[in-house]
Amino acid sequence: MATFKDVSTSRRSEVWDYFGFSQELQQAKCKICKVLLKTPGSTTSTITRHLKMKHKIEVLKCNTLASEAVETSRNPKNWKLF
């Protein structure tokens, strides 16, 4: 029997607050409905989609701010001239 550990404090994504993780099985277990989901390589796309579709919970992606920063730097209005 695999054990599912709380990894919410050791992972960057907030989505892990809602799941336990089994390294052995490469699966996440939803803390709300107890369903098991495959998470190869600890990816979060499947579990993020599960929260959104089944529980109507949306979690911000970790790189949201980083992508906004890139978009800001690409905008010529934000460029500083020498």
C-alpha atoms as a PDB file:
ATOM      1  CA  MET A   1       0.000   0.000   0.000  1.00  0.00           C
ATOM      2  CA  ALA A   2       1.468   3.323  -1.075  1.00  0.00           C
ATOM      3  CA  THR A   3       1.647   6.247   1.291  1.00  0.00           C
ATOM      4  CA  PHE A   4       0.648   9.715   0.219  1.00  0.00           C
ATOM      5  CA  LYS A   5       2.655  12.508   1.820  1.00  0.00           C
ATOM      6  CA  ASP A   6       1.710  16.129   2.296  1.00  0.00           C
ATOM      7  CA  VAL A   7       4.134  17.972   0.014  1.00  0.00           C
ATOM      8  CA  SER A   8       2.474  21.395   0.170  1.00  0.00           C
ATOM      9  CA  THR A   9       5.363  22.957   2.093  1.00  0.00           C
ATOM     10  CA  SER A  10       8.077  21.532  -0.156  1.00  0.00           C
ATOM     11  CA  ARG A  11       6.511  22.346  -3.541  1.00  0.00           C
ATOM     12  CA  ARG A  12       6.179  25.749  -5.166  1.00  0.00           C
ATOM     13  CA  SER A  13       2.674  25.370  -6.560  1.00  0.00           C
ATOM     14  CA  GLU A  14      -0.289  26.079  -4.309  1.00  0.00           C
ATOM     15  CA  VAL A  15      -2.165  23.229  -6.007  1.00  0.00           C
ATOM     16  CA  TRP A  16      -0.296  20.808  -3.713  1.00  0.00           C
ATOM     17  CA  ASP A  17      -2.278  22.200  -0.755  1.00  0.00           C
ATOM     18  CA  TYR A  18      -5.158  20.060  -2.035  1.00  0.00           C
ATOM     19  CA  PHE A  19      -3.245  16.844  -2.752  1.00  0.00           C
ATOM     20  CA  GLY A  20      -1.057  14.228  -1.151  1.00  0.00           C
ATOM     21  CA  PHE A  21       1.709  12.735  -3.315  1.00  0.00           C
ATOM     22  CA  SER A  22       3.115   9.231  -3.669  1.00  0.00           C
ATOM     23  CA  GLN A  23       6.624   9.261  -5.132  1.00  0.00           C
ATOM     24  CA  GLU A  24       6.433   5.490  -5.512  1.00  0.00           C
ATOM     25  CA  LEU A  25       3.276   5.552  -7.668  1.00  0.00           C
ATOM     26  CA  GLN A  26       3.810   9.003  -9.225  1.00  0.00           C
ATOM     27  CA  GLN A  27       0.225   9.795  -8.247  1.00  0.00           C
ATOM     28  CA  ALA A  28      -1.556  12.521  -6.347  1.00  0.00           C
ATOM     29  CA  LYS A  29      -4.540  11.929  -4.065  1.00  0.00           C
ATOM     30  CA  CYS A  30      -7.148  14.672  -3.807  1.00  0.00           C
ATOM     31  CA  LYS A  31      -7.733  15.653  -0.176  1.00  0.00           C
ATOM     32  CA  ILE A  32     -11.321  16.637  -1.021  1.00  0.00           C
ATOM     33  CA  CYS A  33     -12.695  13.620  -2.918  1.00  0.00           C
ATOM     34  CA  LYS A  34      -9.844  11.090  -2.489  1.00  0.00           C
ATOM     35  CA  VAL A  35      -9.525  10.422  -6.242  1.00  0.00           C
ATOM     36  CA  LEU A  36      -6.091   9.284  -7.500  1.00  0.00           C
ATOM     37  CA  LEU A  37      -4.528  11.136 -10.423  1.00  0.00           C
ATOM     38  CA  LYS A  38      -1.359  10.354 -12.357  1.00  0.00           C
ATOM     39  CA  THR A  39       1.311  13.013 -11.958  1.00  0.00           C
ATOM     40  CA  PRO A  40       4.350  11.831 -13.925  1.00  0.00           C
ATOM     41  CA  GLY A  41       7.385  13.842 -12.892  1.00  0.00           C
ATOM     42  CA  SER A  42       5.299  15.669 -10.292  1.00  0.00           C
ATOM     43  CA  THR A  43       3.606  17.760 -12.980  1.00  0.00           C
ATOM     44  CA  THR A  44       0.636  19.830 -11.872  1.00  0.00           C
ATOM     45  CA  SER A  45      -1.466  20.204 -15.035  1.00  0.00           C
ATOM     46  CA  THR A  46      -3.677  17.176 -14.307  1.00  0.00           C
ATOM     47  CA  ILE A  47      -4.312  18.069 -10.677  1.00  0.00           C
ATOM     48  CA  THR A  48      -4.868  21.738 -11.481  1.00  0.00           C
ATOM     49  CA  ARG A  49      -7.470  20.743 -14.078  1.00  0.00           C
ATOM     50  CA  HIS A  50      -9.096  18.351 -11.565  1.00  0.00           C
ATOM     51  CA  LEU A  51      -9.514  21.146  -9.010  1.00  0.00           C
ATOM     52  CA  LYS A  52     -10.975  23.483 -11.604  1.00  0.00           C
ATOM     53  CA  MET A  53     -13.379  21.000 -13.223  1.00  0.00           C
ATOM     54  CA  LYS A  54     -14.515  18.897 -10.249  1.00  0.00           C
ATOM     55  CA  HIS A  55     -14.318  21.338  -7.339  1.00  0.00           C
ATOM     56  CA  LYS A  56     -14.537  24.756  -9.065  1.00  0.00           C
ATOM     57  CA  ILE A  57     -11.241  25.808  -7.430  1.00  0.00           C
ATOM     58  CA  GLU A  58      -8.744  27.818  -9.468  1.00  0.00           C
ATOM     59  CA  VAL A  59      -5.149  28.007  -8.348  1.00  0.00           C
ATOM     60  CA  LEU A  60      -2.741  30.564  -9.779  1.00  0.00           C
ATOM     61  CA  LYS A  61       0.213  29.170 -11.643  1.00  0.00           C
ATOM     62  CA  CYS A  62       3.640  29.723 -10.112  1.00  0.00           C
ATOM     63  CA  ASN A  63       4.999  31.475 -13.184  1.00  0.00           C
ATOM     64  CA  THR A  64       2.108  33.916 -13.607  1.00  0.00           C
ATOM     65  CA  LEU A  65       4.128  36.830 -12.253  1.00  0.00           C
ATOM     66  CA  ALA A  66       7.183  35.829 -14.257  1.00  0.00           C
ATOM     67  CA  SER A  67       5.202  35.772 -17.504  1.00  0.00           C
ATOM     68  CA  GLU A  68       3.701  39.175 -16.678  1.00  0.00           C
ATOM     69  CA  ALA A  69       7.208  40.528 -16.121  1.00  0.00           C
ATOM     70  CA  VAL A  70       8.323  39.213 -19.522  1.00  0.00           C
ATOM     71  CA  GLU A  71       5.320  40.793 -21.231  1.00  0.00           C
ATOM     72  CA  THR A  72       6.059  44.099 -19.495  1.00  0.00           C
ATOM     73  CA  SER A  73       9.681  44.026 -20.636  1.00  0.00           C
ATOM     74  CA  ARG A  74       8.578  43.397 -24.246  1.00  0.00           C
ATOM     75  CA  ASN A  75       6.339  46.438 -24.293  1.00  0.00           C
ATOM     76  CA  PRO A  76       8.293  49.353 -25.830  1.00  0.00           C
ATOM     77  CA  LYS A  77       6.391  51.811 -23.615  1.00  0.00           C
ATOM     78  CA  ASN A  78       8.243  50.315 -20.640  1.00  0.00           C
ATOM     79  CA  TRP A  79      11.705  50.577 -22.149  1.00  0.00           C
ATOM     80  CA  LYS A  80      14.057  53.164 -20.725  1.00  0.00           C
ATOM     81  CA  LEU A  81      16.148  55.148 -23.146  1.00  0.00           C
ATOM     82  CA  PHE A  82      19.772  55.882 -22.322  1.00  0.00           C
END
